[in-house]
Protein backbone atom coordinates (compact mmCIF):
# COMPACT_ATOMS: atom_id res chain seq x y z
CA MET A 1 -5.21 -2.15 -35.11
CA HIS A 2 -2.69 -4.99 -35.29
CA ALA A 3 -5.48 -7.47 -36.09
CA GLN A 4 -6.74 -5.22 -38.88
CA LYS A 5 -3.26 -4.86 -40.39
CA ALA A 6 -2.68 -8.62 -40.21
CA LYS A 7 -6.00 -9.19 -41.96
CA ARG A 8 -5.10 -6.66 -44.69
CA CYS A 9 -1.69 -8.28 -45.18
CA ALA A 10 -3.39 -11.63 -45.75
CA GLU A 11 -5.73 -10.00 -48.26
CA VAL A 12 -2.82 -8.44 -50.17
CA LYS A 13 -1.19 -11.83 -50.57
CA ARG A 14 -4.49 -13.40 -51.60
CA ASP A 15 -5.16 -10.69 -54.19
CA LEU A 16 -1.73 -11.21 -55.74
CA CYS A 17 -1.93 -15.00 -55.49
CA ILE A 18 0.89 -14.99 -52.91
CA HIS A 19 0.91 -17.57 -50.15
CA ASP A 20 3.06 -18.68 -47.22
CA VAL A 21 5.23 -15.57 -47.16
CA PRO A 22 5.29 -12.50 -44.85
CA CYS A 23 3.16 -9.46 -45.64
CA GLY A 24 4.71 -7.29 -48.34
CA ILE A 25 6.89 -10.16 -49.57
CA ILE A 26 6.48 -11.95 -52.87
CA PRO A 27 8.30 -14.96 -54.32
CA ASN A 28 11.28 -14.07 -56.47
CA LYS A 29 12.46 -16.17 -59.39
CA GLY A 30 13.90 -19.35 -57.94
CA ALA A 31 13.63 -20.14 -54.26
CA ASN A 32 14.33 -16.64 -52.96
CA ILE A 33 11.79 -14.15 -51.70
CA ARG A 34 11.90 -10.36 -51.75
CA PRO A 35 9.75 -7.42 -50.71
CA MET A 36 7.07 -6.28 -53.13
CA ARG A 37 8.47 -3.35 -55.07
CA ALA A 38 6.31 -0.25 -55.62
CA ILE A 39 7.53 2.58 -57.86
CA ILE A 40 5.62 5.84 -57.58
CA THR A 41 5.95 8.95 -59.75
CA GLY A 42 5.00 12.41 -58.54
CA ALA A 43 5.80 11.35 -54.99
CA SER A 44 7.02 14.72 -53.69
CA THR A 45 3.65 15.87 -52.38
CA GLY A 46 -0.05 15.12 -52.14
CA ILE A 47 -1.52 11.85 -53.31
CA GLY A 48 1.80 10.44 -54.52
CA ARG A 49 3.47 11.07 -51.18
CA GLU A 50 0.63 9.39 -49.30
CA MET A 51 0.71 6.43 -51.70
CA ALA A 52 4.39 5.88 -50.96
CA LYS A 53 3.79 6.00 -47.21
CA TYR A 54 0.85 3.60 -47.42
CA ALA A 55 2.70 1.13 -49.64
CA TYR A 56 5.60 1.19 -47.19
CA SER A 57 3.20 0.55 -44.29
CA LEU A 58 2.12 -2.64 -46.08
CA GLY A 59 5.72 -3.85 -46.10
CA MET A 60 6.60 -2.93 -49.67
CA GLU A 61 9.96 -1.69 -50.91
CA VAL A 62 9.17 1.78 -52.21
CA TRP A 63 10.99 3.65 -55.00
CA ILE A 64 10.03 7.30 -55.48
CA THR A 65 10.42 9.94 -58.18
CA GLY A 66 9.67 13.64 -58.30
CA GLN A 67 11.27 17.07 -58.68
CA ASN A 68 11.31 18.42 -55.11
CA VAL A 69 14.68 17.31 -53.75
CA SER A 70 14.08 18.09 -50.08
CA ALA A 71 10.58 16.59 -50.09
CA LEU A 72 11.84 13.37 -51.69
CA GLU A 73 14.71 13.12 -49.22
CA THR A 74 12.30 13.47 -46.30
CA LEU A 75 9.93 10.90 -47.79
CA SER A 76 12.81 8.54 -48.46
CA GLU A 77 13.70 8.58 -44.75
CA GLU A 78 10.06 7.95 -43.82
CA CYS A 79 9.97 4.95 -46.15
CA GLY A 80 13.07 3.10 -45.02
CA LYS A 81 15.60 5.06 -47.09
CA ALA A 82 13.62 4.50 -50.27
CA PRO A 83 15.58 4.82 -53.53
CA GLN A 84 14.77 8.16 -55.17
CA LEU A 85 15.14 9.70 -58.60
CA ILE A 86 14.92 13.42 -59.31
CA ALA A 87 13.38 13.68 -62.77
CA ASP A 88 11.09 15.98 -64.73
CA LEU A 89 8.81 13.55 -66.54
CA SER A 90 7.45 16.29 -68.78
CA THR A 91 10.76 16.05 -70.67
CA HIS A 92 12.03 13.22 -72.84
CA ALA A 93 15.26 13.24 -70.84
CA GLY A 94 13.37 12.81 -67.57
CA GLN A 95 11.28 9.98 -68.97
CA SER A 96 14.38 8.25 -70.32
CA ALA A 97 16.12 8.63 -66.96
CA LEU A 98 13.26 6.82 -65.24
CA VAL A 99 13.16 4.08 -67.88
CA ALA A 100 16.90 3.54 -67.41
CA TRP A 101 16.52 3.60 -63.60
CA ILE A 102 14.06 0.70 -63.61
CA ASP A 103 15.66 -1.26 -66.46
CA GLY A 104 16.09 -4.89 -65.42
CA VAL A 105 14.16 -4.32 -62.18
CA GLU A 106 11.19 -6.50 -61.23
CA VAL A 107 8.26 -4.16 -60.62
CA ASP A 108 5.18 -5.34 -58.74
CA LEU A 109 3.26 -2.06 -58.45
CA PHE A 110 3.87 0.96 -60.68
CA VAL A 111 1.98 4.20 -60.07
CA ASN A 112 1.74 6.87 -62.77
CA ASN A 113 0.77 9.72 -60.47
CA ALA A 114 2.78 12.66 -61.83
CA GLY A 115 0.57 15.26 -63.47
CA TYR A 116 -0.94 18.72 -63.13
CA GLY A 117 -3.61 21.02 -64.53
CA VAL A 118 -3.75 24.44 -66.19
CA TRP A 119 -6.69 26.71 -65.36
CA LYS A 120 -6.80 28.91 -68.45
CA ASP A 121 -9.01 29.27 -71.48
CA VAL A 122 -7.39 27.61 -74.48
CA VAL A 123 -6.72 30.86 -76.33
CA ASP A 124 -5.24 32.52 -73.23
CA ALA A 125 -3.03 29.67 -72.01
CA ASP A 126 0.73 29.77 -72.39
CA ASP A 127 1.85 27.47 -75.22
CA ASP A 128 4.82 26.04 -73.34
CA GLN A 129 2.75 25.41 -70.21
CA LEU A 130 0.04 23.53 -72.12
CA GLU A 131 2.54 21.46 -74.08
CA LYS A 132 4.44 20.57 -70.91
CA MET A 133 1.20 19.46 -69.26
CA ILE A 134 0.30 17.22 -72.20
CA ARG A 135 3.79 15.70 -72.26
CA LEU A 136 3.46 14.85 -68.56
CA ASN A 137 -0.20 13.84 -68.33
CA VAL A 138 -0.34 11.94 -71.62
CA GLU A 139 3.02 11.19 -73.21
CA ALA A 140 4.90 10.20 -70.04
CA LEU A 141 2.03 8.05 -68.80
CA LEU A 142 1.73 6.29 -72.15
CA ARG A 143 5.46 5.63 -72.44
CA LEU A 144 5.93 4.44 -68.86
CA SER A 145 2.81 2.26 -68.95
CA ARG A 146 4.12 0.48 -72.05
CA VAL A 147 7.60 -0.06 -70.63
CA VAL A 148 6.33 -1.33 -67.30
CA ALA A 149 3.59 -3.48 -68.85
CA LYS A 150 6.18 -5.31 -70.95
CA THR A 151 8.27 -5.97 -67.84
CA MET A 152 5.27 -7.21 -65.89
CA VAL A 153 4.02 -9.48 -68.66
CA ALA A 154 7.47 -11.08 -68.80
CA GLN A 155 7.31 -11.57 -65.01
CA GLY A 156 3.81 -13.01 -65.19
CA HIS A 157 2.39 -10.60 -62.63
CA GLY A 158 2.09 -6.91 -61.76
CA ARG A 159 -0.18 -3.98 -61.02
CA ILE A 160 -0.21 -0.61 -62.79
CA LEU A 161 -2.10 2.28 -61.21
CA ASN A 162 -2.74 5.28 -63.47
CA VAL A 163 -4.11 8.43 -61.88
CA ALA A 164 -6.82 10.15 -63.91
CA SER A 165 -9.58 12.31 -62.40
CA THR A 166 -13.35 12.72 -62.34
CA ALA A 167 -12.50 15.27 -65.05
CA ALA A 168 -12.11 12.25 -67.34
CA PHE A 169 -15.89 11.83 -67.47
CA LEU A 170 -16.84 15.42 -68.27
CA PRO A 171 -16.13 18.37 -70.57
CA GLY A 172 -14.07 21.09 -68.90
CA PRO A 173 -14.51 24.70 -69.98
CA HIS A 174 -11.60 26.84 -68.71
CA MET A 175 -9.50 23.66 -68.23
CA ALA A 176 -10.20 22.05 -71.60
CA ALA A 177 -6.75 20.57 -72.23
CA TYR A 178 -6.47 19.17 -68.70
CA TYR A 179 -9.89 17.48 -68.87
CA ALA A 180 -9.02 16.05 -72.29
CA SER A 181 -5.72 14.69 -70.95
CA LYS A 182 -7.49 12.86 -68.14
CA ALA A 183 -10.08 11.47 -70.57
CA PHE A 184 -7.11 10.00 -72.46
CA VAL A 185 -5.75 8.44 -69.27
CA LEU A 186 -9.06 6.75 -68.50
CA SER A 187 -9.68 5.46 -72.03
CA PHE A 188 -6.11 4.28 -72.53
CA SER A 189 -5.83 2.63 -69.12
CA GLU A 190 -9.11 0.73 -69.33
CA SER A 191 -8.24 -0.47 -72.82
CA LEU A 192 -4.79 -1.60 -71.68
CA HIS A 193 -6.36 -3.39 -68.72
CA THR A 194 -8.50 -5.36 -71.17
CA GLU A 195 -5.59 -6.11 -73.51
CA LEU A 196 -3.59 -7.54 -70.61
CA ARG A 197 -6.28 -9.87 -69.32
CA LYS A 198 -5.01 -13.40 -68.64
CA THR A 199 -1.40 -12.16 -68.37
CA GLY A 200 -1.42 -11.70 -64.60
CA VAL A 201 -1.07 -7.93 -65.11
CA THR A 202 -3.82 -5.42 -64.36
CA VAL A 203 -4.22 -1.69 -64.93
CA THR A 204 -6.32 0.31 -62.48
CA THR A 205 -7.49 3.85 -63.14
CA LEU A 206 -7.88 6.09 -60.09
CA CYS A 207 -10.35 8.94 -60.67
CA PRO A 208 -10.26 11.30 -57.69
CA GLY A 209 -12.35 14.42 -57.43
CA PRO A 210 -11.35 17.60 -55.57
CA THR A 211 -8.54 16.66 -53.17
CA LYS A 212 -6.63 18.53 -50.47
CA SER A 213 -3.30 18.92 -52.21
CA GLN A 214 -1.21 21.49 -54.08
CA PHE A 215 -3.09 20.80 -57.33
CA PHE A 216 -5.37 23.84 -57.15
CA GLU A 217 -2.55 26.20 -56.20
CA ARG A 218 -0.32 24.94 -59.02
CA ALA A 219 -3.17 25.19 -61.53
CA GLY A 220 -3.83 28.81 -60.48
CA MET A 221 -7.32 28.04 -59.18
CA GLY A 222 -7.26 30.04 -55.97
CA ALA A 223 -10.31 32.14 -56.96
CA MET A 224 -12.74 29.22 -57.05
CA PRO A 225 -14.61 29.13 -53.70
CA LEU A 226 -17.32 26.88 -55.15
CA LEU A 227 -14.86 23.97 -55.06
CA ASP A 228 -14.65 24.34 -51.28
CA GLY A 229 -18.40 24.15 -50.67
CA PRO A 230 -20.05 21.50 -48.46
CA TRP A 231 -21.74 19.92 -51.48
CA MET A 232 -18.32 19.25 -53.05
CA PRO A 233 -16.00 18.45 -50.12
CA LYS A 234 -12.34 17.88 -50.83
CA MET A 235 -11.06 14.45 -49.84
CA SER A 236 -7.75 14.09 -48.05
CA SER A 237 -4.76 12.97 -50.10
CA LYS A 238 -4.34 10.05 -47.71
CA SER A 239 -7.88 8.76 -48.28
CA VAL A 240 -7.49 8.98 -52.05
CA ALA A 241 -4.08 7.30 -51.93
CA ILE A 242 -5.30 4.38 -49.85
CA ALA A 243 -8.32 3.87 -52.10
CA GLY A 244 -6.08 3.82 -55.16
CA ILE A 245 -3.49 1.40 -53.77
CA GLU A 246 -6.17 -0.94 -52.44
CA ALA A 247 -7.99 -0.99 -55.78
CA ALA A 248 -4.76 -1.66 -57.67
CA LEU A 249 -3.77 -4.53 -55.40
CA ARG A 250 -7.17 -6.10 -56.03
CA GLY A 251 -6.76 -5.68 -59.78
CA LYS A 252 -9.81 -3.44 -60.21
CA ARG A 253 -10.29 -1.70 -63.53
CA ARG A 254 -11.45 1.63 -62.07
CA ILE A 255 -11.91 3.32 -58.71
CA VAL A 256 -13.73 6.61 -58.03
CA PRO A 257 -13.30 7.37 -54.30
CA GLY A 258 -15.96 9.39 -52.47
CA ILE A 259 -19.73 9.31 -52.91
CA MET A 260 -19.99 12.79 -54.47
CA ASN A 261 -17.17 12.00 -56.86
CA TYR A 262 -18.80 8.71 -57.80
CA LEU A 263 -22.07 10.52 -58.53
CA SER A 264 -20.31 13.13 -60.66
CA SER A 265 -18.71 10.32 -62.68
CA LYS A 266 -22.23 9.16 -63.53
CA ALA A 267 -23.32 12.61 -64.74
CA PRO A 268 -22.96 11.68 -68.44
CA ILE A 269 -25.65 9.03 -67.95
CA PHE A 270 -28.42 11.30 -66.70
CA MET A 271 -27.28 14.82 -67.64
CA PRO A 272 -27.33 16.11 -71.25
CA ARG A 273 -23.97 17.28 -72.56
CA TYR A 274 -25.09 20.90 -72.87
CA VAL A 275 -26.07 20.87 -69.19
CA GLN A 276 -22.68 19.43 -68.22
CA LEU A 277 -20.98 22.19 -70.19
CA GLY A 278 -23.11 24.86 -68.52
CA VAL A 279 -22.49 23.56 -65.01
CA LEU A 280 -18.72 23.23 -65.51
CA ASN A 281 -18.57 26.66 -67.15
CA TRP A 282 -20.29 28.13 -64.08
CA LEU A 283 -18.18 26.19 -61.60
CA GLN A 284 -14.81 26.82 -63.21
CA GLY A 285 -15.26 30.26 -64.69
CA PRO A 286 -13.45 33.12 -62.91
CA LYS A 287 -15.57 34.58 -60.13
CA LYS A 288 -15.77 38.37 -59.77
């Protein structure tokens, strides 16, 4: 175990062009050194929580944001008294609070993980709920990516990890707005990754499939047993988190963890659009 961790630490430094310093440490401006700094949104539960714990295990200084006060306090203790910010990123005030919190701070890894879905037909969905989801999944991610990218370009290095979904590759009857929001995340993030080439800054898009987390409960998807079938197994939040962090550290453009998820991301290549729509309508429609 120790040998494996030492090997991974060496790989992290290699991937970030860091040499002759301890694992999780990067050169600061001048002769000083400091821990790598990872800032993770949506860290209260699920994938975000596991990302924070994994980044901390690699020796990084972790900063966390979310809305669940007790969950963040517990996570902060688990991550060496990590700085924490309680903020609702679906609001302009919450976004501005985070921007102010990291103003003037060198950021090495920034994770846009905060987001959620709404399982409702478009005409039946609550207006406020849909608009809040779009502000969080799209507007907050766009704004924070721009702010952090500017900081990282000025530094000459950095990694941004934006969490999308396998939903980004497909149409999504009964979750149309959510699927569209994740398609935005994928398109925007891959384009930004290309724009930032040769700056030392990369943008990685994580596209997980069904995951063991509170996502389904929050989206109101309890009546969907098909998503628990053996042909579509849910990955653990920890596995998804590790895959995302590892891909970001290596500067990859995209990562789709899990073989079934990877195959579903390729569906547009071999499956006509009308078939995709039919399958997703069957999978995600309410079951009687």
